[in-house]
C-alpha atoms as a PDB file:
ATOM      1  CA  MET A   1     -35.005   8.331  20.441  1.00  0.00           C
ATOM      2  CA  ASN A   2     -35.074   6.157  17.400  1.00  0.00           C
ATOM      3  CA  ASP A   3     -32.234   3.923  16.186  1.00  0.00           C
ATOM      4  CA  GLN A   4     -31.035   6.429  13.569  1.00  0.00           C
ATOM      5  CA  GLU A   5     -30.739   9.170  16.097  1.00  0.00           C
ATOM      6  CA  SER A   6     -29.006   6.896  18.570  1.00  0.00           C
ATOM      7  CA  THR A   7     -26.520   5.827  15.859  1.00  0.00           C
ATOM      8  CA  TYR A   8     -25.833   9.476  14.894  1.00  0.00           C
ATOM      9  CA  MET A   9     -25.189  10.436  18.546  1.00  0.00           C
ATOM     10  CA  THR A  10     -22.872   7.518  19.107  1.00  0.00           C
ATOM     11  CA  THR A  11     -20.935   8.357  15.820  1.00  0.00           C
ATOM     12  CA  GLN A  12     -20.542  12.038  16.950  1.00  0.00           C
ATOM     13  CA  LYS A  13     -19.245  11.024  20.385  1.00  0.00           C
ATOM     14  CA  LEU A  14     -16.803   8.651  18.810  1.00  0.00           C
ATOM     15  CA  MET A  15     -15.481  11.347  16.357  1.00  0.00           C
ATOM     16  CA  GLN A  16     -15.077  13.748  19.295  1.00  0.00           C
ATOM     17  CA  MET A  17     -13.125  11.143  21.253  1.00  0.00           C
ATOM     18  CA  ILE A  18     -10.891  10.514  18.182  1.00  0.00           C
ATOM     19  CA  LYS A  19     -10.318  14.225  17.837  1.00  0.00           C
ATOM     20  CA  GLU A  20      -9.446  14.658  21.485  1.00  0.00           C
ATOM     21  CA  LEU A  21      -7.063  11.655  21.303  1.00  0.00           C
ATOM     22  CA  LEU A  22      -5.277  13.002  18.226  1.00  0.00           C
ATOM     23  CA  LYS A  23      -4.962  16.397  19.958  1.00  0.00           C
ATOM     24  CA  ALA A  24      -3.456  14.766  23.011  1.00  0.00           C
ATOM     25  CA  TYR A  25      -1.037  12.845  20.739  1.00  0.00           C
ATOM     26  CA  HIS A  26       0.008  16.008  18.920  1.00  0.00           C
ATOM     27  CA  ASP A  27       0.390  17.912  22.161  1.00  0.00           C
ATOM     28  CA  THR A  28       2.585  15.180  23.518  1.00  0.00           C
ATOM     29  CA  LEU A  29       4.807  15.318  20.421  1.00  0.00           C
ATOM     30  CA  ALA A  30       5.135  19.084  20.683  1.00  0.00           C
ATOM     31  CA  VAL A  31       6.314  18.779  24.385  1.00  0.00           C
ATOM     32  CA  TRP A  32       8.741  16.102  23.427  1.00  0.00           C
ATOM     33  CA  VAL A  33      10.214  18.047  20.665  1.00  0.00           C
ATOM     34  CA  GLY A  34      10.336  21.224  22.794  1.00  0.00           C
ATOM     35  CA  ALA A  35      12.381  19.358  25.370  1.00  0.00           C
ATOM     36  CA  LEU A  36      14.804  18.241  22.590  1.00  0.00           C
ATOM     37  CA  ASP A  37      15.092  21.846  21.357  1.00  0.00           C
ATOM     38  CA  GLN A  38      16.127  22.999  24.826  1.00  0.00           C
ATOM     39  CA  HIS A  39      18.617  20.115  25.091  1.00  0.00           C
ATOM     40  CA  TYR A  40      20.170  20.948  21.724  1.00  0.00           C
ATOM     41  CA  HIS A  41      20.044  24.759  22.418  1.00  0.00           C
ATOM     42  CA  GLU A  42      17.897  25.459  19.421  1.00  0.00           C
ATOM     43  CA  ALA A  43      17.036  29.155  18.871  1.00  0.00           C
ATOM     44  CA  GLU A  44      13.903  30.181  20.693  1.00  0.00           C
ATOM     45  CA  ASP A  45      10.781  29.603  18.686  1.00  0.00           C
ATOM     46  CA  HIS A  46      12.624  27.966  15.717  1.00  0.00           C
ATOM     47  CA  THR A  47      10.344  24.929  15.619  1.00  0.00           C
ATOM     48  CA  ARG A  48       7.173  27.154  15.827  1.00  0.00           C
ATOM     49  CA  HIS A  49       8.451  29.442  13.129  1.00  0.00           C
ATOM     50  CA  VAL A  50       9.257  26.681  10.669  1.00  0.00           C
ATOM     51  CA  ILE A  51       5.926  24.933  11.324  1.00  0.00           C
ATOM     52  CA  GLU A  52       4.000  28.218  10.541  1.00  0.00           C
ATOM     53  CA  LEU A  53       6.090  29.313   7.544  1.00  0.00           C
ATOM     54  CA  SER A  54       6.102  25.902   6.006  1.00  0.00           C
ATOM     55  CA  GLU A  55       2.316  25.838   6.218  1.00  0.00           C
ATOM     56  CA  GLN A  56       2.073  29.312   4.591  1.00  0.00           C
ATOM     57  CA  LEU A  57       4.388  28.294   1.797  1.00  0.00           C
ATOM     58  CA  ALA A  58       2.631  24.943   1.303  1.00  0.00           C
ATOM     59  CA  ARG A  59      -0.697  26.791   0.893  1.00  0.00           C
ATOM     60  CA  ARG A  60       0.831  29.007  -1.749  1.00  0.00           C
ATOM     61  CA  MET A  61       2.080  25.899  -3.497  1.00  0.00           C
ATOM     62  CA  GLY A  62      -1.517  24.547  -3.654  1.00  0.00           C
ATOM     63  CA  LEU A  63      -1.251  21.627  -1.198  1.00  0.00           C
ATOM     64  CA  ASP A  64      -4.417  20.327   0.373  1.00  0.00           C
ATOM     65  CA  GLU A  65      -5.365  20.306   4.077  1.00  0.00           C
ATOM     66  CA  GLN A  66      -4.191  16.764   4.738  1.00  0.00           C
ATOM     67  CA  GLN A  67      -0.879  17.376   3.044  1.00  0.00           C
ATOM     68  CA  ILE A  68      -0.491  20.572   5.087  1.00  0.00           C
ATOM     69  CA  MET A  69      -1.302  18.683   8.313  1.00  0.00           C
ATOM     70  CA  ASN A  70       1.496  16.196   7.401  1.00  0.00           C
ATOM     71  CA  ILE A  71       3.879  19.150   6.723  1.00  0.00           C
ATOM     72  CA  ARG A  72       3.087  20.670  10.114  1.00  0.00           C
ATOM     73  CA  LEU A  73       3.879  17.225  11.779  1.00  0.00           C
ATOM     74  CA  GLY A  74       7.016  16.787   9.693  1.00  0.00           C
ATOM     75  CA  ALA A  75       8.255  20.203  10.533  1.00  0.00           C
ATOM     76  CA  LEU A  76       7.642  19.602  14.125  1.00  0.00           C
ATOM     77  CA  LEU A  77       9.737  16.376  13.963  1.00  0.00           C
ATOM     78  CA  HIS A  78      12.334  17.563  11.409  1.00  0.00           C
ATOM     79  CA  ASP A  79      15.412  17.017  13.524  1.00  0.00           C
ATOM     80  CA  ILE A  80      14.149  14.140  15.701  1.00  0.00           C
ATOM     81  CA  GLY A  81      16.952  11.926  14.179  1.00  0.00           C
ATOM     82  CA  LYS A  82      19.507  13.832  16.108  1.00  0.00           C
ATOM     83  CA  MET A  83      18.496  11.784  19.079  1.00  0.00           C
ATOM     84  CA  GLY A  84      20.626   9.029  17.499  1.00  0.00           C
ATOM     85  CA  VAL A  85      23.747  11.187  17.149  1.00  0.00           C
ATOM     86  CA  PRO A  86      26.101  11.516  20.204  1.00  0.00           C
ATOM     87  CA  ASP A  87      25.763  14.785  22.109  1.00  0.00           C
ATOM     88  CA  GLN A  88      29.410  15.505  21.846  1.00  0.00           C
ATOM     89  CA  ILE A  89      28.862  15.854  18.066  1.00  0.00           C
ATOM     90  CA  VAL A  90      25.496  17.637  18.066  1.00  0.00           C
ATOM     91  CA  LEU A  91      26.614  20.079  20.833  1.00  0.00           C
ATOM     92  CA  LYS A  92      30.278  20.451  19.723  1.00  0.00           C
ATOM     93  CA  PRO A  93      31.372  24.067  20.134  1.00  0.00           C
ATOM     94  CA  GLY A  94      32.910  24.330  16.706  1.00  0.00           C
ATOM     95  CA  ALA A  95      33.001  22.891  13.177  1.00  0.00           C
ATOM     96  CA  LEU A  96      32.678  19.109  12.846  1.00  0.00           C
ATOM     97  CA  ASP A  97      35.580  17.137  11.445  1.00  0.00           C
ATOM     98  CA  LYS A  98      35.025  14.640   8.597  1.00  0.00           C
ATOM     99  CA  SER A  99      34.277  11.611  10.750  1.00  0.00           C
ATOM    100  CA  GLU A 100      31.866  13.604  12.896  1.00  0.00           C
ATOM    101  CA  TRP A 101      30.078  15.043   9.877  1.00  0.00           C
ATOM    102  CA  GLU A 102      29.634  11.481   8.506  1.00  0.00           C
ATOM    103  CA  ILE A 103      27.887  10.555  11.735  1.00  0.00           C
ATOM    104  CA  MET A 104      25.775  13.745  11.770  1.00  0.00           C
ATOM    105  CA  ARG A 105      24.621  13.045   8.188  1.00  0.00           C
ATOM    106  CA  ARG A 106      22.930   9.905   9.388  1.00  0.00           C
ATOM    107  CA  HIS A 107      20.283  11.758  11.382  1.00  0.00           C
ATOM    108  CA  PRO A 108      17.627  11.689   8.626  1.00  0.00           C
ATOM    109  CA  GLN A 109      17.942   7.954   8.386  1.00  0.00           C
ATOM    110  CA  TYR A 110      17.665   7.695  12.175  1.00  0.00           C
ATOM    111  CA  ALA A 111      14.510   9.755  11.990  1.00  0.00           C
ATOM    112  CA  TYR A 112      13.037   7.409   9.388  1.00  0.00           C
ATOM    113  CA  ASP A 113      14.073   4.375  11.498  1.00  0.00           C
ATOM    114  CA  LEU A 114      12.501   5.844  14.596  1.00  0.00           C
ATOM    115  CA  LEU A 115       9.260   7.113  13.128  1.00  0.00           C
ATOM    116  CA  SER A 116       8.431   4.701  10.260  1.00  0.00           C
ATOM    117  CA  PRO A 117       7.076   1.982  12.518  1.00  0.00           C
ATOM    118  CA  ILE A 118       4.412   4.429  13.667  1.00  0.00           C
ATOM    119  CA  GLU A 119       1.706   4.198  11.007  1.00  0.00           C
ATOM    120  CA  TYR A 120       0.141   7.477  11.893  1.00  0.00           C
ATOM    121  CA  LEU A 121       3.390   9.423  11.372  1.00  0.00           C
ATOM    122  CA  ARG A 122       4.506   7.739   8.145  1.00  0.00           C
ATOM    123  CA  PRO A 123       2.792  10.391   5.920  1.00  0.00           C
ATOM    124  CA  ALA A 124       4.867  13.094   7.823  1.00  0.00           C
ATOM    125  CA  LEU A 125       8.216  11.426   7.242  1.00  0.00           C
ATOM    126  CA  ASP A 126       9.056  13.346   3.981  1.00  0.00           C
ATOM    127  CA  ILE A 127      10.486  16.311   5.924  1.00  0.00           C
ATOM    128  CA  PRO A 128      12.543  14.377   8.651  1.00  0.00           C
ATOM    129  CA  TYR A 129      13.838  12.017   6.090  1.00  0.00           C
ATOM    130  CA  ALA A 130      14.488  14.197   2.996  1.00  0.00           C
ATOM    131  CA  HIS A 131      14.897  17.875   3.962  1.00  0.00           C
ATOM    132  CA  HIS A 132      18.716  17.656   3.498  1.00  0.00           C
ATOM    133  CA  GLU A 133      18.364  16.391  -0.088  1.00  0.00           C
ATOM    134  CA  TRP A 134      19.558  18.918  -2.741  1.00  0.00           C
ATOM    135  CA  TRP A 135      17.706  19.769  -5.981  1.00  0.00           C
ATOM    136  CA  ASP A 136      20.884  18.879  -7.907  1.00  0.00           C
ATOM    137  CA  GLY A 137      21.186  15.496  -6.238  1.00  0.00           C
ATOM    138  CA  SER A 138      24.186  16.215  -3.973  1.00  0.00           C
ATOM    139  CA  GLY A 139      22.351  16.127  -0.635  1.00  0.00           C
ATOM    140  CA  TYR A 140      21.823  13.295   1.817  1.00  0.00           C
ATOM    141  CA  PRO A 141      20.982  10.638   2.911  1.00  0.00           C
ATOM    142  CA  ARG A 142      19.740   9.213  -0.444  1.00  0.00           C
ATOM    143  CA  GLY A 143      21.088  11.620  -3.001  1.00  0.00           C
ATOM    144  CA  LEU A 144      17.611  12.305  -4.393  1.00  0.00           C
ATOM    145  CA  LYS A 145      17.393  14.761  -7.270  1.00  0.00           C
ATOM    146  CA  GLY A 146      14.806  17.217  -8.559  1.00  0.00           C
ATOM    147  CA  GLU A 147      11.163  16.209  -8.256  1.00  0.00           C
ATOM    148  CA  ALA A 148      12.237  12.831  -6.720  1.00  0.00           C
ATOM    149  CA  ILE A 149      12.592  14.849  -3.579  1.00  0.00           C
ATOM    150  CA  PRO A 150       9.145  15.086  -1.882  1.00  0.00           C
ATOM    151  CA  LEU A 151       7.594  18.561  -2.279  1.00  0.00           C
ATOM    152  CA  ALA A 152       7.152  18.822   1.521  1.00  0.00           C
ATOM    153  CA  ALA A 153      10.903  18.453   1.967  1.00  0.00           C
ATOM    154  CA  ARG A 154      11.618  20.998  -0.766  1.00  0.00           C
ATOM    155  CA  ILE A 155       9.381  23.446   0.942  1.00  0.00           C
ATOM    156  CA  PHE A 156      10.786  22.885   4.329  1.00  0.00           C
ATOM    157  CA  ALA A 157      14.454  23.023   3.249  1.00  0.00           C
ATOM    158  CA  ILE A 158      14.013  26.670   2.320  1.00  0.00           C
ATOM    159  CA  VAL A 159      12.116  27.599   5.440  1.00  0.00           C
ATOM    160  CA  ASP A 160      14.693  25.922   7.732  1.00  0.00           C
ATOM    161  CA  VAL A 161      17.579  27.726   6.223  1.00  0.00           C
ATOM    162  CA  TRP A 162      15.685  31.055   6.340  1.00  0.00           C
ATOM    163  CA  ASP A 163      14.964  30.637   9.979  1.00  0.00           C
ATOM    164  CA  SER A 164      18.231  29.122  10.958  1.00  0.00           C
ATOM    165  CA  LEU A 165      20.802  31.363   9.447  1.00  0.00           C
ATOM    166  CA  PRO A 166      19.912  34.499  11.477  1.00  0.00           C
ATOM    167  CA  SER A 167      20.632  32.616  14.714  1.00  0.00           C
ATOM    168  CA  ALA A 168      24.267  32.424  15.857  1.00  0.00           C
ATOM    169  CA  ARG A 169      25.904  29.024  16.152  1.00  0.00           C
ATOM    170  CA  SER A 170      29.090  28.052  17.936  1.00  0.00           C
ATOM    171  CA  TYR A 171      30.760  27.641  14.569  1.00  0.00           C
ATOM    172  CA  ARG A 172      29.371  30.784  12.855  1.00  0.00           C
ATOM    173  CA  LYS A 173      27.941  34.218  13.653  1.00  0.00           C
ATOM    174  CA  ALA A 174      24.317  35.071  13.007  1.00  0.00           C
ATOM    175  CA  TRP A 175      23.452  36.162   9.495  1.00  0.00           C
ATOM    176  CA  GLN A 176      21.365  39.148   8.511  1.00  0.00           C
ATOM    177  CA  LYS A 177      17.970  38.336   7.049  1.00  0.00           C
ATOM    178  CA  LYS A 178      19.178  39.983   3.787  1.00  0.00           C
ATOM    179  CA  GLU A 179      22.130  37.683   3.613  1.00  0.00           C
ATOM    180  CA  ALA A 180      19.978  34.620   4.167  1.00  0.00           C
ATOM    181  CA  LEU A 181      17.583  35.706   1.384  1.00  0.00           C
ATOM    182  CA  GLU A 182      20.501  36.176  -0.941  1.00  0.00           C
ATOM    183  CA  TYR A 183      21.822  32.795  -0.032  1.00  0.00           C
ATOM    184  CA  ILE A 184      18.551  31.106  -0.779  1.00  0.00           C
ATOM    185  CA  SER A 185      18.324  33.007  -4.161  1.00  0.00           C
ATOM    186  CA  THR A 186      21.876  32.083  -5.075  1.00  0.00           C
ATOM    187  CA  LEU A 187      21.355  28.381  -4.402  1.00  0.00           C
ATOM    188  CA  SER A 188      18.055  28.178  -6.512  1.00  0.00           C
ATOM    189  CA  GLY A 189      18.541  25.307  -8.894  1.00  0.00           C
ATOM    190  CA  SER A 190      21.382  23.720  -6.868  1.00  0.00           C
ATOM    191  CA  GLN A 191      20.336  23.279  -3.275  1.00  0.00           C
ATOM    192  CA  PHE A 192      16.707  24.451  -3.663  1.00  0.00           C
ATOM    193  CA  ASP A 193      13.783  23.837  -6.002  1.00  0.00           C
ATOM    194  CA  PRO A 194      13.623  26.973  -8.234  1.00  0.00           C
ATOM    195  CA  ALA A 195       9.832  26.939  -8.320  1.00  0.00           C
ATOM    196  CA  VAL A 196       9.568  26.930  -4.534  1.00  0.00           C
ATOM    197  CA  VAL A 197      12.238  29.592  -4.250  1.00  0.00           C
ATOM    198  CA  ASN A 198      10.290  31.830  -6.553  1.00  0.00           C
ATOM    199  CA  MET A 199       7.156  31.343  -4.330  1.00  0.00           C
ATOM    200  CA  PHE A 200       9.150  32.073  -1.279  1.00  0.00           C
ATOM    201  CA  LEU A 201      10.549  35.267  -2.788  1.00  0.00           C
ATOM    202  CA  GLU A 202       7.021  36.358  -3.711  1.00  0.00           C
ATOM    203  CA  MET A 203       5.978  35.875   0.001  1.00  0.00           C
ATOM    204  CA  HIS A 204       8.956  37.967   0.972  1.00  0.00           C
ATOM    205  CA  GLN A 205       8.076  40.830  -1.384  1.00  0.00           C
ATOM    206  CA  GLU A 206       4.516  40.717   0.077  1.00  0.00           C
ATOM    207  CA  GLY A 207       5.845  40.894   3.664  1.00  0.00           C
ATOM    208  CA  MET A 208       4.538  37.527   4.606  1.00  0.00           C
ATOM    209  CA  LEU A 209       7.831  36.389   6.070  1.00  0.00           C
ATOM    210  CA  TRP A 210       7.671  38.797   8.873  1.00  0.00           C
ATOM    211  CA  LYS A 211       4.181  37.954  10.156  1.00  0.00           C
ATOM    212  CA  LEU A 212       5.062  35.254  12.606  1.00  0.00           C
ATOM    213  CA  SER A 213       3.936  35.899  16.113  1.00  0.00           C
ATOM    214  CA  GLY A 214       3.822  33.649  19.132  1.00  0.00           C
ATOM    215  CA  LYS A 215       0.542  35.273  20.230  1.00  0.00           C
ATOM    216  CA  THR A 216      -1.177  34.182  16.975  1.00  0.00           C
ATOM    217  CA  SER A 217       0.450  30.788  16.594  1.00  0.00           C
ATOM    218  CA  LYS A 218      -2.051  28.037  15.962  1.00  0.00           C
ATOM    219  CA  PRO A 219      -1.836  24.838  17.994  1.00  0.00           C
ATOM    220  CA  LEU A 220      -0.796  21.677  16.229  1.00  0.00           C
ATOM    221  CA  GLN A 221      -4.165  20.068  15.826  1.00  0.00           C
ATOM    222  CA  PRO A 222      -5.598  17.512  13.400  1.00  0.00           C
ATOM    223  CA  PRO A 223      -8.051  18.913  10.771  1.00  0.00           C
END
């Protein structure tokens, strides 16, 4: 074996080791988030659904593979900041009062503070940090407006609402999918980016929003 062949084999082994390390890292994150979902009584498969649908919508919007990988990671970690909110608020069986709501609204900042020191996760922060921003600037935590809101967050905001509203909460009943769709359409231009809403509605018309299946779900792996 000459030096060139030896170098090639060493490089291939190193790349495989890096790929396996990243997969183990992603799998660990997925288990961690799954445990949090159970703790916070999230609807079954909510995190998987929003990961898959965010990816589908991102592809429709023309994002590249690295951007989509960051969206998948960001969707996985979208509510990680709730770890910083007291359980008696997150799990309260009823509507939050004003002071409790002020604390709850801090969770995107908590997500940023928790994840930003991790260099590998910084490109995925757009969703945990900004998915509660509104197109018209009335969201939180920073009051971003329009295209100042990262596209990943604008995509995820619609997907999260679509998947969350049909699940009952202690403070409201479950919505019908038709009601959720009408809600998203009505808030186009205020809460949601109109261009992303239009693409989302196109996917609905094509039946793409109903094609989520646990048996076909892709694992969260690096490209």
